[in-house]
């Protein structure tokens, strides 16, 4: 329990503080959540500091994020599984280790080809 409390506090560090976590631990915690167990997707914010947001997203096979756009640039890194990413008239099969980046206001959608986890970085300011 103390470990979970420390992790929650570390996820939104105070001004001047440093975040220390491991993506493997965060991925395991995400997949143990009731939201993941009962739904086809779940996401948690790892860092939220002004315009910067790091979101860990888990998608079950077949889960889709319908076409949408963001107010700021984004980067998406696939940590587990495989996704299909559609943007700017292109479809990319992104697997573990893939890094995708988009400028703001570019319409895009995501579909999980396999159970997947990705790290989404947004900068909205």
N, C-alpha and C. Protein backbone atom coordinates (compact mmCIF):
# COMPACT_ATOMS: atom_id res chain seq x y z
N UNK A 1 0.82 -1.19 0.00
CA UNK A 1 0.00 0.00 0.00
C UNK A 1 0.87 1.26 0.00
N UNK A 2 1.92 1.27 0.79
CA UNK A 2 2.80 2.43 0.82
C UNK A 2 3.43 2.65 -0.55
N UNK A 3 3.75 1.55 -1.26
CA UNK A 3 4.33 1.67 -2.60
C UNK A 3 3.37 2.37 -3.55
N UNK A 4 2.08 2.03 -3.48
CA UNK A 4 1.08 2.67 -4.34
C UNK A 4 0.96 4.15 -4.00
N UNK A 5 0.95 4.49 -2.73
CA UNK A 5 0.85 5.90 -2.33
C UNK A 5 2.05 6.68 -2.82
N UNK A 6 3.25 6.10 -2.70
CA UNK A 6 4.45 6.78 -3.18
C UNK A 6 4.36 7.01 -4.68
N UNK A 7 3.86 5.99 -5.40
CA UNK A 7 3.76 6.11 -6.84
C UNK A 7 2.77 7.20 -7.22
N UNK A 8 1.61 7.26 -6.57
CA UNK A 8 0.63 8.29 -6.87
C UNK A 8 1.21 9.68 -6.65
N UNK A 9 1.94 9.87 -5.57
CA UNK A 9 2.54 11.16 -5.29
C UNK A 9 3.60 11.50 -6.34
N UNK A 10 4.34 10.51 -6.79
CA UNK A 10 5.41 10.75 -7.75
C UNK A 10 4.87 11.10 -9.13
N UNK A 11 3.64 10.72 -9.43
CA UNK A 11 3.11 10.92 -10.77
C UNK A 11 2.83 12.38 -11.07
N UNK A 12 2.59 13.18 -10.05
CA UNK A 12 2.38 14.61 -10.24
C UNK A 12 3.33 15.35 -9.30
N UNK A 13 4.60 15.39 -9.68
CA UNK A 13 5.59 15.98 -8.76
C UNK A 13 5.38 17.47 -8.55
N UNK A 14 5.73 17.91 -7.38
CA UNK A 14 5.67 19.34 -7.07
C UNK A 14 6.74 20.07 -7.87
N UNK A 15 6.59 21.37 -7.96
CA UNK A 15 7.56 22.19 -8.70
C UNK A 15 8.97 21.89 -8.21
N UNK A 16 9.87 21.67 -9.12
CA UNK A 16 11.26 21.40 -8.77
C UNK A 16 11.54 19.96 -8.41
N UNK A 17 10.51 19.10 -8.35
CA UNK A 17 10.71 17.70 -7.97
C UNK A 17 11.03 16.85 -9.20
N UNK A 18 11.50 15.64 -8.96
CA UNK A 18 11.85 14.72 -10.03
C UNK A 18 10.93 13.51 -9.98
N UNK A 19 10.50 13.04 -11.14
CA UNK A 19 9.68 11.83 -11.25
C UNK A 19 10.59 10.63 -11.44
N UNK A 20 10.37 9.60 -10.65
CA UNK A 20 11.11 8.35 -10.82
C UNK A 20 10.09 7.22 -10.78
N UNK A 21 9.97 6.50 -11.88
CA UNK A 21 9.07 5.35 -11.96
C UNK A 21 9.61 4.44 -13.05
N UNK A 22 9.06 3.26 -13.17
CA UNK A 22 9.42 2.38 -14.28
C UNK A 22 8.17 2.10 -15.09
N UNK A 23 8.32 2.10 -16.38
CA UNK A 23 7.17 1.83 -17.24
C UNK A 23 6.64 0.42 -17.03
N UNK A 24 7.51 -0.54 -16.75
CA UNK A 24 7.07 -1.91 -16.51
C UNK A 24 6.13 -1.97 -15.30
N UNK A 25 6.47 -1.28 -14.22
CA UNK A 25 5.60 -1.25 -13.03
C UNK A 25 4.28 -0.57 -13.34
N UNK A 26 4.34 0.53 -14.07
CA UNK A 26 3.12 1.27 -14.40
C UNK A 26 2.23 0.44 -15.33
N UNK A 27 2.83 -0.29 -16.27
CA UNK A 27 2.05 -1.14 -17.17
C UNK A 27 1.37 -2.26 -16.38
N UNK A 28 2.07 -2.87 -15.47
CA UNK A 28 1.50 -3.94 -14.65
C UNK A 28 0.35 -3.41 -13.79
N UNK A 29 0.54 -2.24 -13.19
CA UNK A 29 -0.50 -1.63 -12.36
C UNK A 29 -1.75 -1.32 -13.20
N UNK A 30 -1.53 -0.81 -14.40
CA UNK A 30 -2.64 -0.48 -15.30
C UNK A 30 -3.46 -1.72 -15.63
N UNK A 31 -2.79 -2.84 -15.91
CA UNK A 31 -3.49 -4.06 -16.29
C UNK A 31 -4.17 -4.76 -15.12
N UNK A 32 -3.87 -4.36 -13.89
CA UNK A 32 -4.55 -4.91 -12.72
C UNK A 32 -5.79 -4.11 -12.34
N UNK A 33 -5.99 -2.98 -12.96
CA UNK A 33 -7.10 -2.10 -12.58
C UNK A 33 -8.45 -2.68 -13.00
N UNK A 34 -9.48 -2.40 -12.23
CA UNK A 34 -10.83 -2.87 -12.58
C UNK A 34 -11.30 -2.34 -13.93
N UNK A 35 -10.89 -1.12 -14.28
CA UNK A 35 -11.29 -0.53 -15.56
C UNK A 35 -10.75 -1.36 -16.74
N UNK A 36 -9.53 -1.85 -16.61
CA UNK A 36 -8.95 -2.68 -17.65
C UNK A 36 -9.65 -4.04 -17.70
N UNK A 37 -9.93 -4.59 -16.53
CA UNK A 37 -10.57 -5.90 -16.47
C UNK A 37 -11.96 -5.89 -17.12
N UNK A 38 -12.69 -4.78 -17.00
CA UNK A 38 -14.07 -4.73 -17.47
C UNK A 38 -14.26 -4.04 -18.82
N UNK A 39 -13.25 -3.37 -19.33
CA UNK A 39 -13.41 -2.62 -20.58
C UNK A 39 -12.43 -3.06 -21.64
N UNK A 40 -12.49 -2.36 -22.78
CA UNK A 40 -11.57 -2.70 -23.86
C UNK A 40 -10.36 -1.77 -23.91
N UNK A 41 -10.33 -0.77 -22.99
CA UNK A 41 -9.19 0.15 -22.92
C UNK A 41 -9.16 0.81 -21.56
N UNK A 42 -7.98 1.29 -21.21
CA UNK A 42 -7.83 2.06 -19.97
C UNK A 42 -6.57 2.90 -20.10
N UNK A 43 -6.61 4.09 -19.53
CA UNK A 43 -5.46 4.99 -19.60
C UNK A 43 -5.26 5.67 -18.25
N UNK A 44 -4.00 5.93 -17.93
CA UNK A 44 -3.67 6.67 -16.72
C UNK A 44 -2.61 7.72 -17.06
N UNK A 45 -2.73 8.85 -16.43
CA UNK A 45 -1.77 9.93 -16.62
C UNK A 45 -0.57 9.66 -15.72
N UNK A 46 0.62 9.58 -16.31
CA UNK A 46 1.84 9.38 -15.52
C UNK A 46 2.44 10.71 -15.09
N UNK A 47 2.38 11.69 -15.97
CA UNK A 47 2.91 13.02 -15.68
C UNK A 47 1.91 14.03 -16.23
N UNK A 48 1.58 14.99 -15.41
CA UNK A 48 0.73 16.09 -15.84
C UNK A 48 1.33 17.34 -15.22
N UNK A 49 2.02 18.12 -16.07
CA UNK A 49 2.75 19.27 -15.57
C UNK A 49 2.62 20.40 -16.59
N UNK A 50 1.73 21.32 -16.34
CA UNK A 50 1.49 22.41 -17.28
C UNK A 50 1.03 21.84 -18.60
N UNK A 51 1.69 22.20 -19.70
CA UNK A 51 1.26 21.72 -21.01
C UNK A 51 1.66 20.27 -21.30
N UNK A 52 2.56 19.70 -20.48
CA UNK A 52 3.06 18.35 -20.71
C UNK A 52 2.18 17.30 -20.04
N UNK A 53 1.80 16.28 -20.82
CA UNK A 53 1.02 15.17 -20.28
C UNK A 53 1.56 13.87 -20.87
N UNK A 54 1.92 12.92 -20.01
CA UNK A 54 2.30 11.58 -20.44
C UNK A 54 1.22 10.62 -19.99
N UNK A 55 0.61 9.97 -20.96
CA UNK A 55 -0.53 9.10 -20.70
C UNK A 55 -0.17 7.68 -21.12
N UNK A 56 -0.35 6.72 -20.22
CA UNK A 56 -0.13 5.32 -20.52
C UNK A 56 -1.47 4.73 -20.92
N UNK A 57 -1.54 4.19 -22.13
CA UNK A 57 -2.80 3.70 -22.69
C UNK A 57 -2.70 2.20 -22.96
N UNK A 58 -3.66 1.43 -22.44
CA UNK A 58 -3.75 0.00 -22.72
C UNK A 58 -5.00 -0.25 -23.57
N UNK A 59 -4.83 -1.03 -24.63
CA UNK A 59 -5.94 -1.34 -25.53
C UNK A 59 -6.00 -2.85 -25.73
N UNK A 60 -7.18 -3.42 -25.57
CA UNK A 60 -7.35 -4.83 -25.88
C UNK A 60 -7.47 -4.99 -27.39
N UNK A 61 -7.16 -6.17 -27.88
CA UNK A 61 -7.23 -6.45 -29.32
C UNK A 61 -8.59 -6.00 -29.86
N UNK A 62 -8.56 -5.23 -30.94
CA UNK A 62 -9.79 -4.76 -31.58
C UNK A 62 -10.30 -3.43 -31.06
N UNK A 63 -9.76 -2.95 -29.95
CA UNK A 63 -10.21 -1.66 -29.40
C UNK A 63 -9.82 -0.54 -30.36
N UNK A 64 -10.69 0.45 -30.48
CA UNK A 64 -10.44 1.58 -31.39
C UNK A 64 -10.58 2.90 -30.66
N UNK A 65 -9.75 3.83 -31.06
CA UNK A 65 -9.92 5.22 -30.68
C UNK A 65 -10.33 5.91 -31.98
N UNK A 66 -11.58 6.34 -32.05
CA UNK A 66 -12.12 6.94 -33.26
C UNK A 66 -11.33 8.18 -33.66
N UNK A 67 -11.49 8.58 -34.91
CA UNK A 67 -10.76 9.73 -35.42
C UNK A 67 -11.00 10.96 -34.54
N UNK A 68 -9.92 11.62 -34.22
CA UNK A 68 -9.96 12.82 -33.38
C UNK A 68 -8.70 13.63 -33.67
N UNK A 69 -8.59 14.78 -33.06
CA UNK A 69 -7.38 15.58 -33.19
C UNK A 69 -7.08 16.23 -31.84
N UNK A 70 -5.86 16.73 -31.70
CA UNK A 70 -5.45 17.34 -30.44
C UNK A 70 -5.06 18.79 -30.68
N UNK A 71 -5.12 19.57 -29.61
CA UNK A 71 -4.78 21.00 -29.70
C UNK A 71 -3.28 21.25 -29.74
N UNK A 72 -2.51 20.22 -29.47
CA UNK A 72 -1.05 20.37 -29.48
C UNK A 72 -0.41 19.17 -30.13
N UNK A 73 0.90 19.22 -30.34
CA UNK A 73 1.61 18.09 -30.93
C UNK A 73 1.59 16.88 -30.01
N UNK A 74 1.71 15.70 -30.60
CA UNK A 74 1.73 14.46 -29.82
C UNK A 74 2.85 13.56 -30.31
N UNK A 75 3.25 12.64 -29.43
CA UNK A 75 4.15 11.55 -29.79
C UNK A 75 3.58 10.29 -29.14
N UNK A 76 3.58 9.20 -29.87
CA UNK A 76 3.05 7.93 -29.38
C UNK A 76 4.12 6.87 -29.55
N UNK A 77 4.50 6.21 -28.44
CA UNK A 77 5.50 5.15 -28.47
C UNK A 77 4.82 3.85 -28.08
N UNK A 78 4.92 2.84 -28.93
CA UNK A 78 4.32 1.54 -28.65
C UNK A 78 5.27 0.75 -27.74
N UNK A 79 4.75 0.38 -26.57
CA UNK A 79 5.56 -0.34 -25.58
C UNK A 79 5.29 -1.84 -25.59
N UNK A 80 4.09 -2.23 -26.02
CA UNK A 80 3.72 -3.65 -26.09
C UNK A 80 2.65 -3.80 -27.16
N UNK A 81 2.67 -4.94 -27.86
CA UNK A 81 1.64 -5.23 -28.85
C UNK A 81 1.88 -4.58 -30.20
N UNK A 82 0.78 -4.32 -30.90
CA UNK A 82 0.83 -3.73 -32.24
C UNK A 82 -0.45 -2.96 -32.49
N UNK A 83 -0.31 -1.77 -33.06
CA UNK A 83 -1.47 -0.94 -33.38
C UNK A 83 -1.43 -0.52 -34.85
N UNK A 84 -2.60 -0.16 -35.35
CA UNK A 84 -2.71 0.49 -36.65
C UNK A 84 -3.01 1.95 -36.35
N UNK A 85 -2.21 2.84 -36.90
CA UNK A 85 -2.34 4.28 -36.65
C UNK A 85 -2.62 4.95 -37.98
N UNK A 86 -3.75 5.62 -38.07
CA UNK A 86 -4.13 6.34 -39.29
C UNK A 86 -4.02 7.83 -39.05
N UNK A 87 -3.30 8.52 -39.93
CA UNK A 87 -3.17 9.98 -39.84
C UNK A 87 -2.67 10.52 -41.16
N UNK A 88 -3.15 11.69 -41.51
CA UNK A 88 -2.66 12.41 -42.69
C UNK A 88 -2.67 11.54 -43.94
N UNK A 89 -3.72 10.71 -44.08
CA UNK A 89 -3.84 9.87 -45.26
C UNK A 89 -2.93 8.66 -45.28
N UNK A 90 -2.27 8.36 -44.17
CA UNK A 90 -1.38 7.21 -44.08
C UNK A 90 -1.85 6.25 -43.01
N UNK A 91 -1.63 4.97 -43.24
CA UNK A 91 -1.89 3.95 -42.23
C UNK A 91 -0.55 3.29 -41.90
N UNK A 92 -0.20 3.29 -40.62
CA UNK A 92 1.07 2.73 -40.18
C UNK A 92 0.78 1.58 -39.22
N UNK A 93 1.41 0.44 -39.47
CA UNK A 93 1.37 -0.69 -38.53
C UNK A 93 2.53 -0.47 -37.57
N UNK A 94 2.22 -0.04 -36.37
CA UNK A 94 3.24 0.31 -35.38
C UNK A 94 3.38 -0.82 -34.36
N UNK A 95 4.60 -1.32 -34.21
CA UNK A 95 4.87 -2.40 -33.27
C UNK A 95 5.76 -1.89 -32.14
N UNK A 96 6.12 -2.77 -31.23
CA UNK A 96 6.96 -2.40 -30.09
C UNK A 96 8.20 -1.66 -30.57
N UNK A 97 8.43 -0.51 -29.97
CA UNK A 97 9.58 0.30 -30.32
C UNK A 97 9.27 1.40 -31.32
N UNK A 98 8.10 1.32 -31.97
CA UNK A 98 7.73 2.37 -32.93
C UNK A 98 7.42 3.67 -32.21
N UNK A 99 7.82 4.76 -32.84
CA UNK A 99 7.54 6.10 -32.31
C UNK A 99 6.90 6.91 -33.43
N UNK A 100 5.71 7.43 -33.16
CA UNK A 100 4.96 8.22 -34.12
C UNK A 100 4.79 9.62 -33.55
N UNK A 101 4.88 10.63 -34.40
CA UNK A 101 4.70 12.00 -33.93
C UNK A 101 3.81 12.74 -34.91
N UNK A 102 2.95 13.61 -34.37
CA UNK A 102 2.03 14.40 -35.17
C UNK A 102 2.04 15.84 -34.70
N UNK A 103 1.83 16.73 -35.63
CA UNK A 103 1.62 18.13 -35.29
C UNK A 103 0.20 18.28 -34.74
N UNK A 104 -0.09 19.41 -34.17
CA UNK A 104 -1.43 19.66 -33.63
C UNK A 104 -2.46 19.67 -34.76
N UNK A 105 -3.69 19.41 -34.39
CA UNK A 105 -4.85 19.46 -35.29
C UNK A 105 -4.80 18.48 -36.46
N UNK A 106 -3.99 17.43 -36.39
CA UNK A 106 -3.99 16.41 -37.43
C UNK A 106 -4.94 15.29 -36.99
N UNK A 107 -5.97 15.06 -37.80
CA UNK A 107 -6.93 14.00 -37.48
C UNK A 107 -6.22 12.64 -37.50
N UNK A 108 -6.52 11.81 -36.50
CA UNK A 108 -5.90 10.49 -36.42
C UNK A 108 -6.80 9.52 -35.67
N UNK A 109 -6.57 8.24 -35.89
CA UNK A 109 -7.30 7.19 -35.18
C UNK A 109 -6.34 6.04 -34.89
N UNK A 110 -6.74 5.18 -33.96
CA UNK A 110 -5.90 4.07 -33.53
C UNK A 110 -6.76 2.82 -33.41
N UNK A 111 -6.21 1.69 -33.83
CA UNK A 111 -6.86 0.40 -33.60
C UNK A 111 -5.80 -0.59 -33.13
N UNK A 112 -6.13 -1.34 -32.07
CA UNK A 112 -5.20 -2.35 -31.55
C UNK A 112 -5.33 -3.63 -32.37
N UNK A 113 -4.25 -4.02 -33.04
CA UNK A 113 -4.20 -5.27 -33.79
C UNK A 113 -4.01 -6.43 -32.82
N UNK A 114 -3.34 -6.16 -31.73
CA UNK A 114 -3.12 -7.11 -30.64
C UNK A 114 -3.26 -6.32 -29.34
N UNK A 115 -3.36 -7.01 -28.22
CA UNK A 115 -3.38 -6.28 -26.95
C UNK A 115 -2.12 -5.42 -26.91
N UNK A 116 -2.31 -4.14 -26.61
CA UNK A 116 -1.22 -3.18 -26.75
C UNK A 116 -1.17 -2.19 -25.61
N UNK A 117 0.02 -1.66 -25.39
CA UNK A 117 0.21 -0.55 -24.45
C UNK A 117 1.10 0.48 -25.14
N UNK A 118 0.71 1.75 -25.04
CA UNK A 118 1.47 2.82 -25.66
C UNK A 118 1.62 3.98 -24.67
N UNK A 119 2.68 4.73 -24.87
CA UNK A 119 2.92 5.93 -24.08
C UNK A 119 2.65 7.13 -24.99
N UNK A 120 1.64 7.91 -24.62
CA UNK A 120 1.25 9.09 -25.39
C UNK A 120 1.78 10.33 -24.68
N UNK A 121 2.52 11.14 -25.42
CA UNK A 121 3.01 12.41 -24.88
C UNK A 121 2.32 13.53 -25.62
N UNK A 122 1.68 14.42 -24.88
CA UNK A 122 1.04 15.60 -25.47
C UNK A 122 1.64 16.85 -24.87
N UNK A 123 1.67 17.88 -25.67
CA UNK A 123 2.16 19.18 -25.22
C UNK A 123 1.15 20.22 -25.68
N UNK A 124 0.26 20.59 -24.79
CA UNK A 124 -0.80 21.52 -25.13
C UNK A 124 -0.60 22.79 -24.33
N UNK A 125 -0.28 23.85 -25.00
CA UNK A 125 -0.02 25.06 -24.24
C UNK A 125 -0.35 26.32 -24.98
